[in-house]
Amino acid sequence: MGCIAGWIVGGMFTGLVEEAGRCEWLRIGESGAQLAIRAPRIAATVHIGDSVAVNGCCLTVTRTADSVMEFDLLVETLRRTNLESLAPGAGVNLERSLAADGRLGGHFVQGHVDTTTKVRSVARQGADLRLDFEMPAEFACYLASKGSVAINGVSLTVAEVGGDTFTVWIIPHTAAATNLGALAAGHTVNLECDMLAKYTARILECRRD
């Protein structure tokens, strides 16, 4: 890294969305895909090789031109995220990698999507939104009430954990500034569990072995 104030190499994020971009196109082939995202503000500041989280998935910029960023997607990325379903015009949450001297306003988000899950229900209470999601059984141990989770790249606090669901609440600003405000029952979102929970679970697993 050439300068301590530069972007962290490899990508680390905070879950605070910087810009709501739009899908220009998605081209899927047998060995992967190419994705183009229109985002005037971020596209003007990044360079080829920079890391950008797209709906919470860390991707590498391969080309920029005319307010559009392009990315290559691995087959594994298509399998594990909701990016494969993007259609032209679809909104995506964008965040550049954390600067070494930046503020950590959310929580440490790696941009490594663990899995996808579906929205179970959306309910409005006053100006706020309650979002209930299906609980992926394989990752249930990483979700705890008042713990952190990233949904489509947005850092959120888990409000409740049920038998097969978990709940978050979002304020009007989050609903307006991200694509979470457009969610409805049945929609698929990207889920990244708190990395501290994952490392803790792994350490305990190794000690049992």
C-alpha atoms as a PDB file:
ATOM      1  CA  MET A   1       0.000   0.000   0.000  1.00  0.00           C
ATOM      2  CA  GLY A   2       1.602   3.212  -1.120  1.00  0.00           C
ATOM      3  CA  CYS A   3       0.088   5.465   1.543  1.00  0.00           C
ATOM      4  CA  ILE A   4      -1.562   4.901   4.895  1.00  0.00           C
ATOM      5  CA  ALA A   5      -4.460   7.104   3.775  1.00  0.00           C
ATOM      6  CA  GLY A   6      -5.090   4.967   0.686  1.00  0.00           C
ATOM      7  CA  TRP A   7      -7.769   2.320   0.220  1.00  0.00           C
ATOM      8  CA  ILE A   8      -7.159  -0.994   1.962  1.00  0.00           C
ATOM      9  CA  VAL A   9      -5.845  -3.526  -0.548  1.00  0.00           C
ATOM     10  CA  GLY A  10      -8.150  -6.537  -0.985  1.00  0.00           C
ATOM     11  CA  GLY A  11     -11.213  -4.777   0.357  1.00  0.00           C
ATOM     12  CA  MET A  12     -12.695  -4.244   3.803  1.00  0.00           C
ATOM     13  CA  PHE A  13     -16.022  -2.468   4.188  1.00  0.00           C
ATOM     14  CA  THR A  14     -18.229  -0.964   6.878  1.00  0.00           C
ATOM     15  CA  GLY A  15     -21.720  -1.713   5.567  1.00  0.00           C
ATOM     16  CA  LEU A  16     -22.493   1.986   5.051  1.00  0.00           C
ATOM     17  CA  VAL A  17     -23.774   2.392   1.496  1.00  0.00           C
ATOM     18  CA  GLU A  18     -22.166   5.279  -0.387  1.00  0.00           C
ATOM     19  CA  GLU A  19     -24.279   5.265  -3.525  1.00  0.00           C
ATOM     20  CA  ALA A  20     -27.299   3.473  -4.947  1.00  0.00           C
ATOM     21  CA  GLY A  21     -26.215   2.370  -8.410  1.00  0.00           C
ATOM     22  CA  ARG A  22     -28.126   0.823 -11.304  1.00  0.00           C
ATOM     23  CA  CYS A  23     -27.391  -2.299 -13.303  1.00  0.00           C
ATOM     24  CA  GLU A  24     -26.589  -1.451 -16.923  1.00  0.00           C
ATOM     25  CA  TRP A  25     -26.231  -5.041 -18.088  1.00  0.00           C
ATOM     26  CA  LEU A  26     -25.245  -8.535 -16.981  1.00  0.00           C
ATOM     27  CA  ARG A  27     -23.697 -10.982 -19.441  1.00  0.00           C
ATOM     28  CA  ILE A  28     -23.488 -14.583 -18.225  1.00  0.00           C
ATOM     29  CA  GLY A  29     -21.303 -17.187 -19.922  1.00  0.00           C
ATOM     30  CA  GLU A  30     -20.242 -20.731 -19.138  1.00  0.00           C
ATOM     31  CA  SER A  31     -17.193 -19.659 -17.129  1.00  0.00           C
ATOM     32  CA  GLY A  32     -18.570 -16.610 -15.329  1.00  0.00           C
ATOM     33  CA  ALA A  33     -20.101 -13.251 -16.100  1.00  0.00           C
ATOM     34  CA  GLN A  34     -19.470  -9.563 -16.657  1.00  0.00           C
ATOM     35  CA  LEU A  35     -21.467  -6.915 -14.841  1.00  0.00           C
ATOM     36  CA  ALA A  36     -21.787  -3.193 -15.570  1.00  0.00           C
ATOM     37  CA  ILE A  37     -23.063  -0.766 -12.932  1.00  0.00           C
ATOM     38  CA  ARG A  38     -23.889   2.911 -13.467  1.00  0.00           C
ATOM     39  CA  ALA A  39     -22.827   4.972 -10.461  1.00  0.00           C
ATOM     40  CA  PRO A  40     -21.695   8.507 -11.357  1.00  0.00           C
ATOM     41  CA  ARG A  41     -20.183   9.433  -7.987  1.00  0.00           C
ATOM     42  CA  ILE A  42     -18.222   6.268  -7.220  1.00  0.00           C
ATOM     43  CA  ALA A  43     -17.232   5.563 -10.829  1.00  0.00           C
ATOM     44  CA  ALA A  44     -15.503   8.939 -10.936  1.00  0.00           C
ATOM     45  CA  THR A  45     -13.259   8.039  -7.986  1.00  0.00           C
ATOM     46  CA  VAL A  46     -12.209   4.419  -8.574  1.00  0.00           C
ATOM     47  CA  HIS A  47      -9.545   2.873 -10.773  1.00  0.00           C
ATOM     48  CA  ILE A  48      -9.035  -0.508 -12.405  1.00  0.00           C
ATOM     49  CA  GLY A  49      -8.139  -3.012  -9.683  1.00  0.00           C
ATOM     50  CA  ASP A  50     -10.039  -1.230  -6.888  1.00  0.00           C
ATOM     51  CA  SER A  51     -12.490  -3.133  -4.716  1.00  0.00           C
ATOM     52  CA  VAL A  52     -16.157  -2.161  -4.606  1.00  0.00           C
ATOM     53  CA  ALA A  53     -18.901  -3.962  -2.693  1.00  0.00           C
ATOM     54  CA  VAL A  54     -21.940  -4.520  -4.933  1.00  0.00           C
ATOM     55  CA  ASN A  55     -24.934  -5.603  -2.860  1.00  0.00           C
ATOM     56  CA  GLY A  56     -22.348  -6.592  -0.269  1.00  0.00           C
ATOM     57  CA  CYS A  57     -20.219  -8.687  -2.629  1.00  0.00           C
ATOM     58  CA  CYS A  58     -16.600  -7.565  -2.984  1.00  0.00           C
ATOM     59  CA  LEU A  59     -15.802  -7.182  -6.690  1.00  0.00           C
ATOM     60  CA  THR A  60     -12.783  -5.845  -8.584  1.00  0.00           C
ATOM     61  CA  VAL A  61     -13.199  -2.973 -11.027  1.00  0.00           C
ATOM     62  CA  THR A  62     -12.032  -4.073 -14.493  1.00  0.00           C
ATOM     63  CA  ARG A  63     -13.073  -0.989 -16.489  1.00  0.00           C
ATOM     64  CA  THR A  64     -14.566   2.466 -15.948  1.00  0.00           C
ATOM     65  CA  ALA A  65     -16.053   4.808 -18.532  1.00  0.00           C
ATOM     66  CA  ASP A  66     -18.862   7.348 -18.683  1.00  0.00           C
ATOM     67  CA  SER A  67     -20.024   6.835 -15.062  1.00  0.00           C
ATOM     68  CA  VAL A  68     -20.119   3.041 -15.503  1.00  0.00           C
ATOM     69  CA  MET A  69     -17.985   0.453 -13.691  1.00  0.00           C
ATOM     70  CA  GLU A  70     -17.471  -3.068 -15.030  1.00  0.00           C
ATOM     71  CA  PHE A  71     -16.680  -6.215 -13.052  1.00  0.00           C
ATOM     72  CA  ASP A  72     -15.912  -9.874 -13.751  1.00  0.00           C
ATOM     73  CA  LEU A  73     -17.954 -12.399 -11.745  1.00  0.00           C
ATOM     74  CA  LEU A  74     -16.818 -15.921 -10.923  1.00  0.00           C
ATOM     75  CA  VAL A  75     -19.173 -18.897 -11.196  1.00  0.00           C
ATOM     76  CA  GLU A  76     -18.861 -19.171  -7.393  1.00  0.00           C
ATOM     77  CA  THR A  77     -20.024 -15.559  -7.079  1.00  0.00           C
ATOM     78  CA  LEU A  78     -23.077 -16.246  -9.228  1.00  0.00           C
ATOM     79  CA  ARG A  79     -23.872 -19.360  -7.170  1.00  0.00           C
ATOM     80  CA  ARG A  80     -23.586 -17.732  -3.760  1.00  0.00           C
ATOM     81  CA  THR A  81     -25.120 -14.272  -4.333  1.00  0.00           C
ATOM     82  CA  ASN A  82     -28.173 -12.590  -5.834  1.00  0.00           C
ATOM     83  CA  LEU A  83     -26.137 -10.840  -8.541  1.00  0.00           C
ATOM     84  CA  GLU A  84     -27.135 -13.457 -11.126  1.00  0.00           C
ATOM     85  CA  SER A  85     -30.715 -12.170 -10.975  1.00  0.00           C
ATOM     86  CA  LEU A  86     -29.864  -8.525 -11.718  1.00  0.00           C
ATOM     87  CA  ALA A  87     -31.769  -7.027 -14.634  1.00  0.00           C
ATOM     88  CA  PRO A  88     -31.044  -3.716 -16.385  1.00  0.00           C
ATOM     89  CA  GLY A  89     -32.223  -0.881 -14.150  1.00  0.00           C
ATOM     90  CA  ALA A  90     -32.102  -2.917 -10.934  1.00  0.00           C
ATOM     91  CA  GLY A  91     -30.838  -0.957  -7.944  1.00  0.00           C
ATOM     92  CA  VAL A  92     -27.659  -2.082  -6.183  1.00  0.00           C
ATOM     93  CA  ASN A  93     -25.970  -0.931  -2.987  1.00  0.00           C
ATOM     94  CA  LEU A  94     -22.380   0.270  -3.485  1.00  0.00           C
ATOM     95  CA  GLU A  95     -19.507   0.908  -1.113  1.00  0.00           C
ATOM     96  CA  ARG A  96     -15.841   1.486  -1.813  1.00  0.00           C
ATOM     97  CA  SER A  97     -13.314  -0.350   0.350  1.00  0.00           C
ATOM     98  CA  LEU A  98     -12.575   1.300   3.670  1.00  0.00           C
ATOM     99  CA  ALA A  99      -9.785   3.860   3.693  1.00  0.00           C
ATOM    100  CA  ALA A 100      -7.121   3.132   6.311  1.00  0.00           C
ATOM    101  CA  ASP A 101      -7.849   6.477   7.981  1.00  0.00           C
ATOM    102  CA  GLY A 102     -11.624   6.245   7.545  1.00  0.00           C
ATOM    103  CA  ARG A 103     -14.366   6.034  10.142  1.00  0.00           C
ATOM    104  CA  LEU A 104     -15.830   2.632  10.951  1.00  0.00           C
ATOM    105  CA  GLY A 105     -19.478   3.636  11.184  1.00  0.00           C
ATOM    106  CA  GLY A 106     -21.048   0.201  10.758  1.00  0.00           C
ATOM    107  CA  HIS A 107     -19.145  -3.027  11.451  1.00  0.00           C
ATOM    108  CA  PHE A 108     -16.334  -4.899   9.729  1.00  0.00           C
ATOM    109  CA  VAL A 109     -17.780  -6.327   6.511  1.00  0.00           C
ATOM    110  CA  GLN A 110     -15.498  -8.426   4.328  1.00  0.00           C
ATOM    111  CA  GLY A 111     -17.635  -8.449   1.212  1.00  0.00           C
ATOM    112  CA  HIS A 112     -17.626 -12.262   1.340  1.00  0.00           C
ATOM    113  CA  VAL A 113     -21.295 -13.159   0.995  1.00  0.00           C
ATOM    114  CA  ASP A 114     -22.055 -16.308   2.992  1.00  0.00           C
ATOM    115  CA  THR A 115     -25.354 -17.167   1.357  1.00  0.00           C
ATOM    116  CA  THR A 116     -28.627 -15.755   0.115  1.00  0.00           C
ATOM    117  CA  THR A 117     -31.907 -15.786   1.963  1.00  0.00           C
ATOM    118  CA  LYS A 118     -35.457 -14.669   1.268  1.00  0.00           C
ATOM    119  CA  VAL A 119     -37.618 -11.945   2.740  1.00  0.00           C
ATOM    120  CA  ARG A 120     -40.390 -13.529   4.776  1.00  0.00           C
ATOM    121  CA  SER A 121     -42.369 -10.339   5.398  1.00  0.00           C
ATOM    122  CA  VAL A 122     -42.175  -6.534   5.386  1.00  0.00           C
ATOM    123  CA  ALA A 123     -44.213  -4.448   7.836  1.00  0.00           C
ATOM    124  CA  ARG A 124     -44.339  -0.706   8.390  1.00  0.00           C
ATOM    125  CA  GLN A 125     -44.535   0.743  11.880  1.00  0.00           C
ATOM    126  CA  GLY A 126     -44.792   4.492  11.658  1.00  0.00           C
ATOM    127  CA  ALA A 127     -41.957   5.600   9.373  1.00  0.00           C
ATOM    128  CA  ASP A 128     -39.815   2.542  10.075  1.00  0.00           C
ATOM    129  CA  LEU A 129     -39.757  -0.853   8.370  1.00  0.00           C
ATOM    130  CA  ARG A 130     -39.606  -4.275  10.010  1.00  0.00           C
ATOM    131  CA  LEU A 131     -37.984  -6.884   7.770  1.00  0.00           C
ATOM    132  CA  ASP A 132     -38.291 -10.591   8.580  1.00  0.00           C
ATOM    133  CA  PHE A 133     -35.939 -12.985   6.782  1.00  0.00           C
ATOM    134  CA  GLU A 134     -35.766 -16.741   6.531  1.00  0.00           C
ATOM    135  CA  MET A 135     -33.063 -18.153   8.804  1.00  0.00           C
ATOM    136  CA  PRO A 136     -30.524 -20.218   6.800  1.00  0.00           C
ATOM    137  CA  ALA A 137     -30.023 -23.239   9.073  1.00  0.00           C
ATOM    138  CA  GLU A 138     -26.310 -23.523   8.264  1.00  0.00           C
ATOM    139  CA  PHE A 139     -25.656 -19.973   9.478  1.00  0.00           C
ATOM    140  CA  ALA A 140     -28.142 -19.724  12.361  1.00  0.00           C
ATOM    141  CA  CYS A 141     -25.390 -19.992  14.988  1.00  0.00           C
ATOM    142  CA  TYR A 142     -23.808 -16.764  13.698  1.00  0.00           C
ATOM    143  CA  LEU A 143     -26.933 -14.640  14.177  1.00  0.00           C
ATOM    144  CA  ALA A 144     -27.713 -13.249  17.628  1.00  0.00           C
ATOM    145  CA  SER A 145     -30.103 -10.649  18.957  1.00  0.00           C
ATOM    146  CA  LYS A 146     -28.343  -7.243  18.975  1.00  0.00           C
ATOM    147  CA  GLY A 147     -25.526  -8.697  16.890  1.00  0.00           C
ATOM    148  CA  SER A 148     -24.428  -7.402  13.495  1.00  0.00           C
ATOM    149  CA  VAL A 149     -25.360  -8.673  10.053  1.00  0.00           C
ATOM    150  CA  ALA A 150     -24.933  -7.341   6.505  1.00  0.00           C
ATOM    151  CA  ILE A 151     -27.963  -7.554   4.209  1.00  0.00           C
ATOM    152  CA  ASN A 152     -27.224  -6.607   0.577  1.00  0.00           C
ATOM    153  CA  GLY A 153     -24.108  -4.961   1.971  1.00  0.00           C
ATOM    154  CA  VAL A 154     -25.947  -2.836   4.560  1.00  0.00           C
ATOM    155  CA  SER A 155     -24.719  -3.043   8.159  1.00  0.00           C
ATOM    156  CA  LEU A 156     -27.725  -3.791  10.362  1.00  0.00           C
ATOM    157  CA  THR A 157     -28.478  -4.855  13.927  1.00  0.00           C
ATOM    158  CA  VAL A 158     -30.370  -8.098  14.425  1.00  0.00           C
ATOM    159  CA  ALA A 159     -33.460  -7.193  16.443  1.00  0.00           C
ATOM    160  CA  GLU A 160     -34.903 -10.669  16.981  1.00  0.00           C
ATOM    161  CA  VAL A 161     -33.936 -14.273  16.316  1.00  0.00           C
ATOM    162  CA  GLY A 162     -36.738 -16.829  16.037  1.00  0.00           C
ATOM    163  CA  GLY A 163     -36.821 -20.512  15.251  1.00  0.00           C
ATOM    164  CA  ASP A 164     -36.592 -20.129  11.495  1.00  0.00           C
ATOM    165  CA  THR A 165     -36.490 -16.344  11.031  1.00  0.00           C
ATOM    166  CA  PHE A 166     -34.533 -13.285  12.072  1.00  0.00           C
ATOM    167  CA  THR A 167     -35.650  -9.667  12.111  1.00  0.00           C
ATOM    168  CA  VAL A 168     -34.080  -6.269  11.457  1.00  0.00           C
ATOM    169  CA  TRP A 169     -35.545  -2.770  11.512  1.00  0.00           C
ATOM    170  CA  ILE A 170     -34.556   0.045   9.167  1.00  0.00           C
ATOM    171  CA  ILE A 171     -35.109   3.768   9.460  1.00  0.00           C
ATOM    172  CA  PRO A 172     -36.463   5.955   6.625  1.00  0.00           C
ATOM    173  CA  HIS A 173     -32.976   7.105   5.586  1.00  0.00           C
ATOM    174  CA  THR A 174     -31.790   3.517   5.097  1.00  0.00           C
ATOM    175  CA  ALA A 175     -34.944   2.651   3.169  1.00  0.00           C
ATOM    176  CA  ALA A 176     -34.442   5.644   0.854  1.00  0.00           C
ATOM    177  CA  ALA A 177     -30.651   5.420   0.414  1.00  0.00           C
ATOM    178  CA  THR A 178     -30.415   1.658  -0.255  1.00  0.00           C
ATOM    179  CA  ASN A 179     -32.389  -1.015  -2.092  1.00  0.00           C
ATOM    180  CA  LEU A 180     -33.750  -2.392   1.185  1.00  0.00           C
ATOM    181  CA  GLY A 181     -36.692  -0.011   1.021  1.00  0.00           C
ATOM    182  CA  ALA A 182     -37.921  -1.765  -2.137  1.00  0.00           C
ATOM    183  CA  LEU A 183     -37.872  -5.266  -0.643  1.00  0.00           C
ATOM    184  CA  ALA A 184     -41.024  -7.368  -0.565  1.00  0.00           C
ATOM    185  CA  ALA A 185     -41.871 -10.881   0.591  1.00  0.00           C
ATOM    186  CA  GLY A 186     -40.107 -13.448  -1.573  1.00  0.00           C
ATOM    187  CA  HIS A 187     -37.215 -11.216  -2.647  1.00  0.00           C
ATOM    188  CA  THR A 188     -33.717 -12.697  -2.361  1.00  0.00           C
ATOM    189  CA  VAL A 189     -30.965 -10.840  -0.502  1.00  0.00           C
ATOM    190  CA  ASN A 190     -27.266 -11.377   0.129  1.00  0.00           C
ATOM    191  CA  LEU A 191     -26.315 -12.283   3.691  1.00  0.00           C
ATOM    192  CA  GLU A 192     -22.921 -11.874   5.344  1.00  0.00           C
ATOM    193  CA  CYS A 193     -22.692 -12.867   8.985  1.00  0.00           C
ATOM    194  CA  ASP A 194     -20.457 -11.036  11.445  1.00  0.00           C
ATOM    195  CA  MET A 195     -16.895 -12.258  10.886  1.00  0.00           C
ATOM    196  CA  LEU A 196     -16.206 -12.203  14.649  1.00  0.00           C
ATOM    197  CA  ALA A 197     -19.024 -14.712  15.159  1.00  0.00           C
ATOM    198  CA  LYS A 198     -17.621 -16.929  12.396  1.00  0.00           C
ATOM    199  CA  TYR A 199     -14.089 -16.905  13.790  1.00  0.00           C
ATOM    200  CA  THR A 200     -15.352 -17.553  17.322  1.00  0.00           C
ATOM    201  CA  ALA A 201     -17.396 -20.535  16.133  1.00  0.00           C
ATOM    202  CA  ARG A 202     -14.378 -21.891  14.226  1.00  0.00           C
ATOM    203  CA  ILE A 203     -12.067 -21.539  17.237  1.00  0.00           C
ATOM    204  CA  LEU A 204     -14.521 -23.398  19.457  1.00  0.00           C
ATOM    205  CA  GLU A 205     -14.908 -26.103  16.797  1.00  0.00           C
ATOM    206  CA  CYS A 206     -11.128 -26.593  16.620  1.00  0.00           C
ATOM    207  CA  ARG A 207     -10.844 -26.803  20.397  1.00  0.00           C
ATOM    208  CA  ARG A 208     -13.501 -29.517  20.494  1.00  0.00           C
ATOM    209  CA  ASP A 209     -11.528 -31.486  17.916  1.00  0.00           C
END
